[in-house]
Amino acid sequence: MTESAYLHATRVAYDTVAVDYALLLRDELDAKPLDRAMLAAFAEYMRVPGAGEVADLGCGPGRVTAHLHALGVDAFGVDLSPKMVAVARSAYPQLRFEEGSMTALDLADGAVGGVVAWYSTVHTPPGVLPTVFSEIHRVLAPGGRLLLAFKVGDERRHAERGYGHKLSLDIYWVPPERIAAYLDAAGLVLEARLIREPDESERPRSGRQAFFLARKPQES
């Protein structure tokens, strides 16, 4: 099967920037207390006995996977970029990282208790997001939770440079109401949402940031 053009472009771009991306964003969470608060709330849900593993989808160099691990979560990472996976494995050899795509995860039905997609859907065309959320629903165990971070807006931007490299990559800003509708259609129940203004490190290139916590209902 021919790979989608956006998946190919995303893989090539992040293979190109992997090492510098990891260095530049290594400590980014330190200055983002609201972001850390959402991760901490998610981690509290996932620390209960029997909660299961958490898949950090689009994990990049593994910093969020490692942050969750430090919070007591049994987390592993999945990323489209083999070079990002290599960087993550080198930086955090005690954790598991795998190559994979959010549109077709190599995970069994109900295999994980939680999923984190931390800005990892921002390169996915909005028309493909229902497929991504349906796949997340499939791999979540009943009662499992999703933590999603994304950029708020309604536009597509094309980046030709990033992290000191030439690249070609589309970035999508999506309205929260549309994401909520996609989650609902996929069978995921929205439990909480946080929308914050851009901080100093994000201005003026970025806008508001959204964090959604959703749950797969228990089977009846």
Protein backbone atom coordinates (compact mmCIF):
# COMPACT_ATOMS: atom_id res chain seq x y z
CA MET A 1 0.00 0.00 0.00
CA THR A 2 1.32 3.44 -0.94
CA GLU A 3 2.02 5.60 2.08
CA SER A 4 0.06 8.83 2.45
CA ALA A 5 2.01 11.89 1.34
CA TYR A 6 1.59 13.62 4.70
CA LEU A 7 2.98 10.60 6.58
CA HIS A 8 6.00 10.50 4.29
CA ALA A 9 6.61 14.24 4.68
CA THR A 10 6.27 14.02 8.46
CA ARG A 11 8.70 11.12 8.71
CA VAL A 12 11.29 12.82 6.49
CA ALA A 13 11.03 16.11 8.38
CA TYR A 14 11.44 14.58 11.83
CA ASP A 15 14.21 12.26 10.68
CA THR A 16 16.00 15.42 9.53
CA VAL A 17 15.60 17.40 12.76
CA ALA A 18 15.62 14.58 15.34
CA VAL A 19 18.88 15.36 17.16
CA ASP A 20 18.45 19.14 17.25
CA TYR A 21 14.75 18.87 18.14
CA ALA A 22 15.63 16.74 21.16
CA LEU A 23 18.26 19.23 22.35
CA LEU A 24 16.13 22.33 21.85
CA LEU A 25 12.96 20.98 23.51
CA ARG A 26 14.58 18.83 26.19
CA ASP A 27 13.55 21.13 29.07
CA GLU A 28 10.47 22.74 27.50
CA LEU A 29 8.02 21.39 30.09
CA ASP A 30 9.96 23.06 32.91
CA ALA A 31 8.47 26.44 31.95
CA LYS A 32 4.92 25.19 31.29
CA PRO A 33 3.10 24.57 34.61
CA LEU A 34 -0.36 24.18 33.06
CA ASP A 35 0.93 21.58 30.60
CA ARG A 36 2.58 19.70 33.46
CA ALA A 37 -0.66 19.90 35.43
CA MET A 38 -2.58 18.11 32.68
CA LEU A 39 0.08 15.41 32.49
CA ALA A 40 0.01 15.07 36.28
CA ALA A 41 -3.79 14.69 36.33
CA PHE A 42 -3.60 12.06 33.60
CA ALA A 43 -0.82 10.26 35.50
CA GLU A 44 -2.97 10.16 38.63
CA TYR A 45 -5.68 8.31 36.72
CA MET A 46 -3.11 5.91 35.31
CA ARG A 47 -1.40 5.06 38.60
CA VAL A 48 -4.36 3.11 39.96
CA PRO A 49 -3.91 -0.67 40.18
CA GLY A 50 -4.72 -2.42 36.93
CA ALA A 51 -4.71 0.76 34.85
CA GLY A 52 -2.42 -0.79 32.27
CA GLU A 53 0.28 0.62 30.04
CA VAL A 54 0.19 4.06 28.43
CA ALA A 55 1.15 4.55 24.78
CA ASP A 56 2.74 7.93 24.07
CA LEU A 57 1.86 8.28 20.39
CA GLY A 58 4.12 10.53 18.36
CA CYS A 59 6.59 10.43 21.23
CA GLY A 60 9.45 12.07 19.32
CA PRO A 61 12.64 11.99 21.39
CA GLY A 62 10.78 10.54 24.37
CA ARG A 63 10.67 13.50 26.75
CA VAL A 64 6.94 13.16 27.54
CA THR A 65 7.26 9.37 27.83
CA ALA A 66 10.07 9.88 30.34
CA HIS A 67 8.10 12.56 32.19
CA LEU A 68 5.17 10.16 32.58
CA HIS A 69 7.54 7.43 33.75
CA ALA A 70 8.91 9.81 36.40
CA LEU A 71 5.30 10.36 37.54
CA GLY A 72 4.89 6.63 38.11
CA VAL A 73 3.20 5.69 34.84
CA ASP A 74 4.04 2.51 32.92
CA ALA A 75 4.60 4.32 29.61
CA PHE A 76 6.13 3.45 26.27
CA GLY A 77 6.59 5.51 23.12
CA VAL A 78 5.57 5.11 19.48
CA ASP A 79 6.79 7.39 16.70
CA LEU A 80 6.65 7.55 12.91
CA SER A 81 10.28 8.69 12.63
CA PRO A 82 12.96 5.97 13.03
CA LYS A 83 15.57 8.60 13.87
CA MET A 84 13.36 10.03 16.62
CA VAL A 85 12.92 6.50 17.98
CA ALA A 86 16.71 6.04 17.91
CA VAL A 87 17.24 9.31 19.82
CA ALA A 88 14.62 8.30 22.40
CA ARG A 89 16.16 4.87 22.92
CA SER A 90 19.59 6.43 23.38
CA ALA A 91 18.34 9.05 25.86
CA TYR A 92 16.08 6.72 27.86
CA PRO A 93 17.42 3.15 27.49
CA GLN A 94 15.26 1.95 30.38
CA LEU A 95 12.07 2.70 28.41
CA ARG A 96 10.51 1.08 25.35
CA PHE A 97 10.16 2.92 22.04
CA GLU A 98 8.74 1.56 18.79
CA GLU A 99 8.16 2.76 15.24
CA GLY A 100 4.55 3.11 14.19
CA SER A 101 1.78 5.27 12.75
CA MET A 102 -1.28 6.53 14.62
CA THR A 103 -3.45 5.57 11.65
CA ALA A 104 -2.56 1.86 11.96
CA LEU A 105 -1.12 0.97 15.36
CA ASP A 106 0.60 -2.36 15.86
CA LEU A 107 -1.37 -2.93 19.06
CA ALA A 108 -4.14 -5.36 19.85
CA ASP A 109 -7.69 -4.23 20.59
CA GLY A 110 -7.90 -2.94 24.17
CA ALA A 111 -4.15 -3.35 24.64
CA VAL A 112 -3.46 -0.16 26.62
CA GLY A 113 -5.04 1.63 29.52
CA GLY A 114 -4.08 5.09 28.33
CA VAL A 115 -2.93 7.05 25.30
CA VAL A 116 -1.13 10.38 25.15
CA ALA A 117 -1.05 12.30 21.86
CA TRP A 118 1.00 15.35 22.84
CA TYR A 119 0.84 17.64 19.79
CA SER A 120 1.35 14.55 17.65
CA THR A 121 -1.81 15.12 15.57
CA VAL A 122 -0.79 18.61 14.41
CA HIS A 123 0.62 17.31 11.11
CA THR A 124 -2.44 15.15 10.41
CA PRO A 125 -4.93 16.62 7.91
CA PRO A 126 -8.21 17.22 9.78
CA GLY A 127 -10.01 14.84 7.45
CA VAL A 128 -7.80 12.01 8.70
CA LEU A 129 -8.33 12.73 12.40
CA PRO A 130 -11.49 10.59 12.66
CA THR A 131 -9.38 7.61 11.57
CA VAL A 132 -6.75 8.43 14.21
CA PHE A 133 -9.32 8.73 17.01
CA SER A 134 -11.07 5.53 15.93
CA GLU A 135 -7.72 3.75 16.10
CA ILE A 136 -7.06 5.17 19.56
CA HIS A 137 -10.52 3.99 20.65
CA ARG A 138 -9.70 0.52 19.32
CA VAL A 139 -6.46 0.10 21.27
CA LEU A 140 -7.80 1.56 24.52
CA ALA A 141 -9.18 -0.84 27.09
CA PRO A 142 -12.70 -0.08 28.35
CA GLY A 143 -12.38 2.77 30.84
CA GLY A 144 -9.03 3.83 29.34
CA ARG A 145 -8.17 7.48 28.86
CA LEU A 146 -6.73 9.73 26.17
CA LEU A 147 -4.80 12.94 26.83
CA LEU A 148 -4.62 15.07 23.69
CA ALA A 149 -2.70 18.32 23.16
CA PHE A 150 -3.22 20.38 20.01
CA LYS A 151 -3.12 23.87 18.52
CA VAL A 152 -6.33 25.92 18.50
CA GLY A 153 -7.41 27.63 15.28
CA ASP A 154 -8.71 26.84 11.83
CA GLU A 155 -5.86 26.96 9.35
CA ARG A 156 -3.01 25.08 7.70
CA ARG A 157 0.51 26.49 7.69
CA HIS A 158 3.45 25.18 5.70
CA ALA A 159 6.89 25.18 7.35
CA GLU A 160 10.01 25.21 5.19
CA ARG A 161 12.46 25.54 8.05
CA GLY A 162 12.55 24.24 11.58
CA TYR A 163 15.07 23.52 14.34
CA GLY A 164 17.90 24.79 12.15
CA HIS A 165 17.05 22.65 9.11
CA LYS A 166 15.28 22.92 5.78
CA LEU A 167 12.11 20.85 5.71
CA SER A 168 8.65 20.65 4.19
CA LEU A 169 5.87 20.12 6.69
CA ASP A 170 2.24 21.13 7.08
CA ILE A 171 0.93 22.15 10.51
CA TYR A 172 -2.79 22.24 11.29
CA TRP A 173 -4.65 24.39 13.82
CA VAL A 174 -8.06 22.88 14.57
CA PRO A 175 -11.11 24.30 16.42
CA PRO A 176 -11.75 22.57 19.78
CA GLU A 177 -15.40 22.05 18.85
CA ARG A 178 -14.35 20.02 15.81
CA ILE A 179 -11.97 17.88 17.87
CA ALA A 180 -14.75 17.31 20.43
CA ALA A 181 -17.07 16.17 17.63
CA TYR A 182 -14.44 13.79 16.24
CA LEU A 183 -13.87 12.28 19.69
CA ASP A 184 -17.59 11.81 20.21
CA ALA A 185 -17.97 10.15 16.81
CA ALA A 186 -15.13 7.77 17.70
CA GLY A 187 -16.91 6.76 20.92
CA LEU A 188 -14.65 8.71 23.29
CA VAL A 189 -16.27 10.75 26.06
CA LEU A 190 -14.73 14.16 26.72
CA GLU A 191 -14.12 14.59 30.47
CA ALA A 192 -12.12 17.81 30.70
CA ARG A 193 -10.62 20.52 28.56
CA LEU A 194 -8.05 23.25 29.16
CA ILE A 195 -7.39 26.00 26.65
CA ARG A 196 -4.58 28.39 27.44
CA GLU A 197 -3.11 31.44 25.77
CA PRO A 198 0.33 31.17 24.14
CA ASP A 199 3.23 31.73 26.51
CA GLU A 200 6.30 33.87 25.81
CA SER A 201 8.18 31.03 24.12
CA GLU A 202 5.27 30.45 21.70
CA ARG A 203 4.56 34.05 20.65
CA PRO A 204 4.06 35.26 17.94
CA ARG A 205 4.29 32.10 15.84
CA SER A 206 1.62 30.20 17.75
CA GLY A 207 -1.82 30.75 19.19
CA ARG A 208 -3.89 29.15 21.91
CA GLN A 209 -3.12 25.62 23.04
CA ALA A 210 -5.72 22.98 23.95
CA PHE A 211 -5.57 19.93 26.21
CA PHE A 212 -8.43 17.42 26.18
CA LEU A 213 -8.92 14.47 28.52
CA ALA A 214 -11.28 11.81 27.14
CA ARG A 215 -12.34 8.33 28.22
CA LYS A 216 -13.45 5.14 26.49
CA PRO A 217 -16.65 4.04 28.26
CA GLN A 218 -16.77 0.80 30.19
CA GLU A 219 -18.47 -1.99 28.33
CA SER A 220 -22.05 -2.51 29.42
